[in-house]
Each structure stands twice: as structure tokens, then as C-alpha cells.
Protein backbone atom coordinates (compact mmCIF):
# COMPACT_ATOMS: atom_id res chain seq x y z
CA MET A 1 -36.33 14.60 42.22
CA SER A 2 -35.13 10.96 41.59
CA VAL A 3 -37.48 8.46 43.44
CA LEU A 4 -36.81 4.97 44.88
CA VAL A 5 -39.06 1.83 44.58
CA GLU A 6 -38.95 -1.27 46.17
CA PHE A 7 -40.38 -4.39 44.69
CA SER A 8 -40.00 -8.31 44.90
CA ILE A 9 -40.81 -10.85 41.93
CA ASP A 10 -41.04 -14.65 41.67
CA SER A 11 -38.02 -16.03 40.52
CA GLY A 12 -39.79 -18.17 37.65
CA ASP A 13 -41.51 -14.65 36.47
CA PHE A 14 -38.46 -13.64 35.00
CA LEU A 15 -35.80 -14.81 32.68
CA LEU A 16 -32.90 -14.15 34.89
CA GLY A 17 -34.54 -15.41 37.95
CA ASN A 18 -35.88 -18.27 36.19
CA VAL A 19 -32.30 -19.36 34.55
CA LEU A 20 -30.65 -18.97 37.77
CA ARG A 21 -33.00 -21.38 39.60
CA GLY A 22 -31.09 -24.26 40.79
CA PRO A 23 -29.74 -25.47 44.09
CA GLU A 24 -32.30 -24.48 47.22
CA GLU A 25 -29.18 -23.02 49.50
CA MET A 26 -27.86 -20.72 46.61
CA ARG A 27 -28.53 -17.39 47.08
CA PHE A 28 -27.84 -14.36 44.37
CA GLU A 29 -26.80 -10.59 44.19
CA LEU A 30 -26.90 -8.76 41.01
CA GLU A 31 -24.06 -6.74 40.73
CA ARG A 32 -24.76 -4.56 37.67
CA ILE A 33 -26.14 -4.89 34.34
CA VAL A 34 -24.00 -3.76 31.24
CA PRO A 35 -25.76 -2.68 27.75
CA THR A 36 -24.11 -4.30 25.05
CA GLY A 37 -25.78 -3.25 22.07
CA ASP A 38 -29.31 -4.62 21.72
CA ALA A 39 -29.01 -6.85 24.66
CA VAL A 40 -27.73 -6.30 28.26
CA MET A 41 -25.15 -8.52 30.10
CA PRO A 42 -25.83 -9.48 33.89
CA PHE A 43 -23.24 -9.69 36.32
CA VAL A 44 -24.40 -11.65 39.42
CA TRP A 45 -22.59 -12.96 42.57
CA ALA A 46 -23.72 -16.37 43.69
CA THR A 47 -23.25 -17.57 47.11
CA GLY A 48 -23.01 -21.40 48.76
CA GLY A 49 -24.24 -24.40 47.04
CA ASP A 50 -22.55 -26.71 44.18
CA PHE A 51 -21.04 -24.39 41.68
CA ALA A 52 -20.38 -27.33 39.14
CA ALA A 53 -23.97 -27.98 39.18
CA PHE A 54 -25.19 -24.55 39.18
CA GLU A 55 -23.05 -23.75 36.18
CA GLY A 56 -24.32 -26.82 34.56
CA ASN A 57 -28.16 -25.58 34.85
CA VAL A 58 -27.02 -22.29 33.81
CA THR A 59 -25.59 -23.19 30.51
CA ALA A 60 -28.11 -25.82 29.69
CA SER A 61 -30.69 -23.20 29.28
CA GLU A 62 -31.34 -22.30 25.67
CA HIS A 63 -31.21 -18.55 26.31
CA VAL A 64 -27.77 -18.49 27.81
CA ARG A 65 -25.14 -18.22 25.16
CA GLU A 66 -21.82 -17.95 27.63
CA LEU A 67 -21.66 -18.22 31.57
CA ARG A 68 -18.40 -17.16 32.69
CA ALA A 69 -16.74 -17.41 36.39
CA LEU A 70 -15.03 -13.84 36.82
CA ASP A 71 -13.83 -14.50 40.38
CA LYS A 72 -14.24 -16.81 43.23
CA VAL A 73 -13.73 -16.03 47.05
CA GLY A 74 -14.42 -18.65 49.60
CA ASP A 75 -18.43 -19.60 48.97
CA ARG A 76 -18.64 -16.71 46.57
CA ALA A 77 -18.43 -16.26 42.83
CA LEU A 78 -18.96 -13.64 40.53
CA TYR A 79 -20.53 -14.73 37.16
CA ARG A 80 -20.97 -12.83 33.62
CA ILE A 81 -24.23 -13.84 31.70
CA VAL A 82 -24.49 -13.33 28.19
CA TRP A 83 -27.76 -14.11 26.50
CA ASP A 84 -28.05 -15.97 23.42
CA GLU A 85 -30.04 -12.92 21.62
CA PRO A 86 -31.72 -9.88 22.62
CA HIS A 87 -34.85 -10.38 24.43
CA ALA A 88 -37.46 -7.96 26.55
CA GLY A 89 -36.79 -9.08 29.79
CA LEU A 90 -37.32 -7.50 33.45
CA ILE A 91 -33.65 -6.34 33.13
CA GLU A 92 -33.67 -4.97 29.88
CA VAL A 93 -36.64 -2.94 30.90
CA LEU A 94 -34.54 -1.74 34.07
CA GLY A 95 -32.10 -0.47 31.66
CA GLU A 96 -34.51 1.04 29.11
CA THR A 97 -36.12 3.46 32.15
CA GLU A 98 -32.58 4.39 33.30
CA ALA A 99 -32.92 2.50 36.46
CA THR A 100 -29.75 2.40 38.96
CA ILE A 101 -30.18 -0.74 40.96
CA LEU A 102 -29.13 -0.19 44.49
CA GLU A 103 -29.89 -3.68 45.61
CA ALA A 104 -31.08 -6.99 43.90
CA ARG A 105 -31.14 -10.22 45.93
CA GLY A 106 -32.67 -13.47 45.01
CA ASP A 107 -32.83 -17.24 45.53
CA GLY A 108 -34.70 -19.81 43.76
CA ALA A 109 -38.03 -18.49 44.80
CA ARG A 110 -38.19 -14.74 44.85
CA TRP A 111 -35.98 -11.57 44.07
CA ARG A 112 -36.25 -8.55 45.94
CA PHE A 113 -35.17 -4.96 44.33
CA ARG A 114 -34.60 -1.33 45.27
CA LEU A 115 -34.20 0.91 42.58
CA ARG A 116 -33.62 4.72 41.95
CA PHE A 117 -35.08 6.48 39.09
CA PRO A 118 -34.52 9.93 37.76
CA ASP A 119 -37.92 11.13 38.48
CA HIS A 120 -41.55 9.84 38.59
CA ASP A 121 -42.08 9.50 34.84
CA ARG A 122 -39.58 7.08 34.41
CA LEU A 123 -40.99 4.88 37.43
CA SER A 124 -44.25 5.31 35.73
CA ALA A 125 -42.58 3.89 32.17
CA PHE A 126 -41.15 1.11 34.50
CA TYR A 127 -44.18 0.15 35.73
CA ASN A 128 -45.99 0.18 32.22
CA LEU A 129 -43.43 -1.76 30.55
CA CYS A 130 -44.04 -4.56 33.22
CA THR A 131 -47.66 -4.52 32.76
CA GLU A 132 -47.49 -4.70 28.99
CA ASN A 133 -44.68 -7.54 29.02
CA ASP A 134 -46.65 -9.55 32.07
CA PHE A 135 -43.83 -9.04 34.68
CA PRO A 136 -45.80 -9.64 37.81
CA VAL A 137 -43.89 -6.88 40.10
CA HIS A 138 -45.09 -6.43 43.67
CA ILE A 139 -44.43 -3.05 44.59
CA ASP A 140 -43.64 -2.61 48.22
CA ARG A 141 -42.66 1.01 48.53
CA THR A 142 -41.85 4.01 46.49
CA TYR A 143 -40.35 7.21 48.04
CA THR A 144 -37.89 10.24 47.67
CA LEU A 145 -34.88 10.37 49.61
CA SER A 146 -36.50 13.44 51.39
CA GLU A 147 -39.67 11.42 52.39
CA ARG A 148 -37.34 8.74 53.85
CA ILE A 149 -36.01 10.89 56.23
CA GLU A 150 -38.64 13.46 56.80
CA GLY A 151 -39.89 12.00 60.31
CA GLY A 152 -36.03 12.43 61.48
CA HIS A 153 -34.18 15.37 62.48
CA ARG A 154 -33.47 17.98 60.02
CA LEU A 155 -30.55 19.19 61.40
CA GLY A 156 -31.12 22.59 59.64
CA LEU A 157 -30.02 20.67 56.22
CA SER A 158 -31.78 21.74 53.04
CA ALA A 159 -33.90 19.16 50.90
CA GLU A 160 -30.73 19.17 48.60
CA GLN A 161 -28.25 18.35 51.36
CA ARG A 162 -29.90 15.44 53.04
CA GLU A 163 -30.55 13.94 49.55
CA ALA A 164 -26.96 14.13 48.93
CA LEU A 165 -25.73 12.98 52.36
CA VAL A 166 -27.97 9.91 52.00
CA LEU A 167 -27.13 8.95 48.80
CA ALA A 168 -23.43 9.15 49.75
CA LEU A 169 -24.02 6.87 52.75
CA GLU A 170 -26.23 4.32 50.74
CA ARG A 171 -23.68 3.84 47.93
CA GLY A 172 -21.06 3.65 50.51
CA TYR A 173 -18.95 6.87 49.84
CA PHE A 174 -17.88 7.23 53.20
CA ASP A 175 -16.73 3.80 53.49
CA THR A 176 -12.87 2.86 53.64
CA PRO A 177 -12.31 2.22 50.66
CA SER A 178 -15.03 4.22 49.18
CA GLU A 179 -17.40 2.30 46.88
CA ALA A 180 -18.61 4.94 45.08
CA SER A 181 -16.88 8.00 43.60
CA LEU A 182 -18.27 11.52 43.45
CA SER A 183 -18.33 11.35 39.79
CA ASP A 184 -20.83 8.42 40.20
CA LEU A 185 -23.08 10.28 42.74
CA ALA A 186 -23.26 13.50 40.83
CA ASP A 187 -24.25 11.50 37.56
CA GLU A 188 -27.00 10.00 39.62
CA LEU A 189 -28.73 13.28 40.86
CA GLY A 190 -27.86 14.94 37.45
CA ILE A 191 -25.55 17.71 38.92
CA THR A 192 -22.00 18.81 38.76
CA GLN A 193 -19.01 17.49 40.97
CA GLN A 194 -18.34 20.41 42.47
CA ALA A 195 -22.22 20.97 43.20
CA LEU A 196 -22.50 18.12 44.98
CA SER A 197 -19.25 18.63 46.97
CA ASP A 198 -20.63 21.60 48.20
CA ARG A 199 -23.60 20.06 49.24
CA ILE A 200 -21.80 17.43 50.82
CA ARG A 201 -19.49 19.52 52.77
CA ARG A 202 -22.10 21.91 53.80
CA GLY A 203 -24.30 19.21 55.01
CA ASN A 204 -21.69 17.55 56.85
CA GLU A 205 -20.80 20.76 58.81
CA LYS A 206 -24.48 21.30 59.88
CA VAL A 207 -24.73 17.79 60.97
CA LEU A 208 -21.20 17.99 62.96
CA ARG A 209 -22.50 21.72 64.56
CA SER A 210 -25.74 20.46 65.62
CA VAL A 211 -24.80 17.07 67.09
CA LEU A 212 -21.02 18.06 68.56
CA LEU A 213 -22.04 21.74 69.76
CA SER A 214 -25.39 20.92 71.12
CA SER A 215 -24.09 17.69 72.60
CA ALA A 216 -21.39 19.71 74.41
CA SER A 217 -23.41 22.35 75.82
CA ASP A 218 -25.28 19.50 77.45
CA PHE A 219 -22.38 19.08 79.94
CA ASP A 220 -21.60 22.76 80.78
């Protein structure tokens, strides 16, 4: 079963955070990382602040080959960062251990991450690599999706159905427009699209029956 971890790290203690340190009022969100041969290419949203000064600070880094603004909307801009050469950084460790970034936000002082690993072995590998490379991550919490909602109403759901529904909610599958496809979610859980579709459909039916039918009886 997949496992989730929440951790934080000072911006100056890993390369991406250190490179992005600039105007104090700016905030950053890591959208995704894309492997490119021996390296990874981070895509980062920057919010607020002086974009010209920020771009100058980043491109002045000896580690950055290219910083390209892909989109700008109001006080937000999406950037692609290309490293000058491959290196063993925190972001590379995430790629090596097959971590899915659910959330990654930071500023000039500190970054906070929420990740999903395929299993506990991958999580252990991540922690070991961080220790070996002197990345002082502070683990705030580790849990499975089932554990996360253990104290709530079960609604007659199986563990697999709860996991599928919570994942779909977290990734924005039910949003309009949807922020995640059935294929994306199925890949994360390591099951087929048909299996995931069945879990979501059956899970939704149980939730609706439990909530709507039981609540309707209260007014009889």
C-alpha cells in the first residue's frame, strides 16, 4: 500500500530552495519535476515580488543553465529551470525513489512537502538517501490513506474503496474541470483503470446510500 509523508526543510539546505531564495515576499510552488536523462527539470510557480529581480538572481547561479518563463498570470509566473549539469540533489532523490509530489510550497526560509511513495521500502530509501547526502529533512508525519481516515465514518467502505476515493478527492479528480485523469490515479495505485473505476463507483454508491438514505429516514 502507498504511504504518504509530510516533511519540511530549510530553503538553504537543498539546491532548488537555495537557488530560489530571493525577494522575501515571493512564494514558490513546485508543480512537477520532469526527468531528462541523468537530471531532472523542475517546473516552479512563483508568486508576488519583483520578477525581474528574481529572474536575475536565479540565472546568476552557477548551477542554472536556463530559466524560462512559460506563463504569467497576474502576480504568478510559471518557470522551467534547467540545471547546468547533473547533481545529486533533494529533487533528484524524489525522482529516484519514485515519489509523487502532492504538494510542495516554499519561500526564502523554508519549504514544506507532501509526498506519496509506492510503499514503505521507497520511503525508507528516500530517508536513507537524504541522510547520506546530508539533506536535513524534518519528517512531520507519515501515514497511509486508510490510517488518515481511520477515526472517521467508515460508511461501509472497503480499505481499497476508501483509498481510491480519498486519492481522487486529493488529486482533484472530482473537480470541474478535472485536475487528474482516471489513468493518472490508476498508475499511482498500481491498478488498472477498470479496477479503479469500479472502486470509485462502488465507493460512491455506498457513501450515497449511507448518507442520503440514512438521513432521509430521520425525517420519517
